[in-house]
């Protein structure tokens, strides 16, 4: 898997599908009583996939807000800078 954060919806979806496959492998490892090291290694991979997607989503939202303003749609669905910061910090 690429170390570059996904940028498009297709890339984000691909990362999420990868995370789902890896999570299925974690579940199978737990159910099959695989070694602790192998199970933790799989779990770390899932965590990395999800963190990458989370950072990409927040990054894209930040970029969009910077270009179009906090509430470009005018319907209250936009995020403020403080909300974006809170989301980003929640990923740490």
C-alpha atoms as a PDB file:
ATOM      1  CA  UNK A   1       0.000   0.000   0.000  1.00  0.00           C
ATOM      2  CA  UNK A   2       1.246   3.441  -0.903  1.00  0.00           C
ATOM      3  CA  UNK A   3       2.518   5.767   1.821  1.00  0.00           C
ATOM      4  CA  UNK A   4       0.926   8.708  -0.018  1.00  0.00           C
ATOM      5  CA  UNK A   5      -2.438   9.686   1.467  1.00  0.00           C
ATOM      6  CA  UNK A   6      -5.387   8.957  -0.829  1.00  0.00           C
ATOM      7  CA  UNK A   7      -6.838  12.047  -2.502  1.00  0.00           C
ATOM      8  CA  UNK A   8      -9.836  10.934  -4.559  1.00  0.00           C
ATOM      9  CA  UNK A   9     -13.031   9.197  -3.536  1.00  0.00           C
ATOM     10  CA  UNK A  10     -11.889   6.134  -5.434  1.00  0.00           C
ATOM     11  CA  UNK A  11      -8.576   6.051  -3.577  1.00  0.00           C
ATOM     12  CA  UNK A  12     -10.325   6.498  -0.225  1.00  0.00           C
ATOM     13  CA  UNK A  13     -12.752   3.704  -1.065  1.00  0.00           C
ATOM     14  CA  UNK A  14      -9.868   1.448  -2.081  1.00  0.00           C
ATOM     15  CA  UNK A  15      -8.117   2.149   1.243  1.00  0.00           C
ATOM     16  CA  UNK A  16     -11.322   1.387   3.151  1.00  0.00           C
ATOM     17  CA  UNK A  17     -11.784  -1.869   1.255  1.00  0.00           C
ATOM     18  CA  UNK A  18      -8.182  -2.788   2.045  1.00  0.00           C
ATOM     19  CA  UNK A  19      -8.786  -2.030   5.719  1.00  0.00           C
ATOM     20  CA  UNK A  20     -11.922  -4.175   5.669  1.00  0.00           C
ATOM     21  CA  UNK A  21     -10.004  -7.089   4.148  1.00  0.00           C
ATOM     22  CA  UNK A  22      -7.266  -6.707   6.745  1.00  0.00           C
ATOM     23  CA  UNK A  23      -9.831  -6.481   9.544  1.00  0.00           C
ATOM     24  CA  UNK A  24     -11.403  -9.704   8.273  1.00  0.00           C
ATOM     25  CA  UNK A  25      -7.929 -11.232   8.494  1.00  0.00           C
ATOM     26  CA  UNK A  26      -7.592  -9.980  12.095  1.00  0.00           C
ATOM     27  CA  UNK A  27     -10.917 -11.570  12.997  1.00  0.00           C
ATOM     28  CA  UNK A  28      -9.866 -14.833  11.357  1.00  0.00           C
ATOM     29  CA  UNK A  29      -6.548 -14.710  13.222  1.00  0.00           C
ATOM     30  CA  UNK A  30      -8.304 -14.224  16.557  1.00  0.00           C
ATOM     31  CA  UNK A  31     -10.836 -16.958  15.842  1.00  0.00           C
ATOM     32  CA  UNK A  32      -8.074 -19.272  14.614  1.00  0.00           C
ATOM     33  CA  UNK A  33      -5.935 -18.465  17.652  1.00  0.00           C
ATOM     34  CA  UNK A  34      -3.040 -17.393  15.452  1.00  0.00           C
ATOM     35  CA  UNK A  35       0.118 -16.139  17.094  1.00  0.00           C
ATOM     36  CA  UNK A  36      -0.134 -12.897  19.013  1.00  0.00           C
ATOM     37  CA  UNK A  37       2.589 -11.300  16.869  1.00  0.00           C
ATOM     38  CA  UNK A  38       0.819 -12.148  13.599  1.00  0.00           C
ATOM     39  CA  UNK A  39      -2.506 -10.863  14.921  1.00  0.00           C
ATOM     40  CA  UNK A  40      -0.997  -7.612  16.180  1.00  0.00           C
ATOM     41  CA  UNK A  41       0.852  -7.109  12.878  1.00  0.00           C
ATOM     42  CA  UNK A  42      -2.474  -7.415  11.032  1.00  0.00           C
ATOM     43  CA  UNK A  43      -4.129  -5.023  13.460  1.00  0.00           C
ATOM     44  CA  UNK A  44      -1.349  -2.462  12.959  1.00  0.00           C
ATOM     45  CA  UNK A  45      -1.913  -2.650   9.193  1.00  0.00           C
ATOM     46  CA  UNK A  46      -5.651  -2.011   9.651  1.00  0.00           C
ATOM     47  CA  UNK A  47      -4.894   0.932  11.923  1.00  0.00           C
ATOM     48  CA  UNK A  48      -2.502   2.451   9.368  1.00  0.00           C
ATOM     49  CA  UNK A  49      -5.080   2.098   6.585  1.00  0.00           C
ATOM     50  CA  UNK A  50      -7.779   3.772   8.666  1.00  0.00           C
ATOM     51  CA  UNK A  51      -5.470   6.542   9.862  1.00  0.00           C
ATOM     52  CA  UNK A  52      -4.436   7.234   6.272  1.00  0.00           C
ATOM     53  CA  UNK A  53      -8.058   7.522   5.200  1.00  0.00           C
ATOM     54  CA  UNK A  54      -8.910   9.724   8.170  1.00  0.00           C
ATOM     55  CA  UNK A  55      -6.038  12.092   7.510  1.00  0.00           C
ATOM     56  CA  UNK A  56      -6.940  12.225   3.818  1.00  0.00           C
ATOM     57  CA  UNK A  57     -10.556  13.085   4.575  1.00  0.00           C
ATOM     58  CA  UNK A  58      -9.600  15.822   7.032  1.00  0.00           C
ATOM     59  CA  UNK A  59      -6.935  17.132   4.659  1.00  0.00           C
ATOM     60  CA  UNK A  60      -9.395  17.272   1.780  1.00  0.00           C
ATOM     61  CA  UNK A  61     -11.935  19.050   3.988  1.00  0.00           C
ATOM     62  CA  UNK A  62      -9.291  21.550   5.072  1.00  0.00           C
ATOM     63  CA  UNK A  63      -8.275  22.185   1.474  1.00  0.00           C
ATOM     64  CA  UNK A  64     -11.879  22.637   0.412  1.00  0.00           C
ATOM     65  CA  UNK A  65     -12.556  25.055   3.262  1.00  0.00           C
ATOM     66  CA  UNK A  66      -9.433  27.033   2.399  1.00  0.00           C
ATOM     67  CA  UNK A  67     -10.522  27.338  -1.217  1.00  0.00           C
ATOM     68  CA  UNK A  68     -14.286  27.745  -0.841  1.00  0.00           C
ATOM     69  CA  UNK A  69     -14.850  28.999   2.705  1.00  0.00           C
ATOM     70  CA  UNK A  70     -16.119  27.239   5.805  1.00  0.00           C
ATOM     71  CA  UNK A  71     -19.657  26.749   4.511  1.00  0.00           C
ATOM     72  CA  UNK A  72     -19.519  26.813   0.728  1.00  0.00           C
ATOM     73  CA  UNK A  73     -22.819  24.952   0.391  1.00  0.00           C
ATOM     74  CA  UNK A  74     -24.567  27.536   2.567  1.00  0.00           C
ATOM     75  CA  UNK A  75     -26.521  24.798   4.325  1.00  0.00           C
ATOM     76  CA  UNK A  76     -24.568  24.566   7.559  1.00  0.00           C
ATOM     77  CA  UNK A  77     -22.771  21.395   6.430  1.00  0.00           C
ATOM     78  CA  UNK A  78     -19.349  23.047   6.244  1.00  0.00           C
ATOM     79  CA  UNK A  79     -16.759  22.700   8.972  1.00  0.00           C
ATOM     80  CA  UNK A  80     -15.151  25.543  10.834  1.00  0.00           C
ATOM     81  CA  UNK A  81     -11.395  25.692  11.298  1.00  0.00           C
ATOM     82  CA  UNK A  82     -11.881  24.734  14.953  1.00  0.00           C
ATOM     83  CA  UNK A  83     -13.975  21.692  13.995  1.00  0.00           C
ATOM     84  CA  UNK A  84     -11.348  20.607  11.470  1.00  0.00           C
ATOM     85  CA  UNK A  85      -8.619  20.996  14.084  1.00  0.00           C
ATOM     86  CA  UNK A  86     -10.612  18.890  16.546  1.00  0.00           C
ATOM     87  CA  UNK A  87     -11.123  16.183  13.902  1.00  0.00           C
ATOM     88  CA  UNK A  88      -7.440  16.161  13.053  1.00  0.00           C
ATOM     89  CA  UNK A  89      -6.413  15.923  16.693  1.00  0.00           C
ATOM     90  CA  UNK A  90      -8.844  13.059  17.241  1.00  0.00           C
ATOM     91  CA  UNK A  91      -6.864  11.038  14.690  1.00  0.00           C
ATOM     92  CA  UNK A  92      -3.609  11.432  16.618  1.00  0.00           C
END
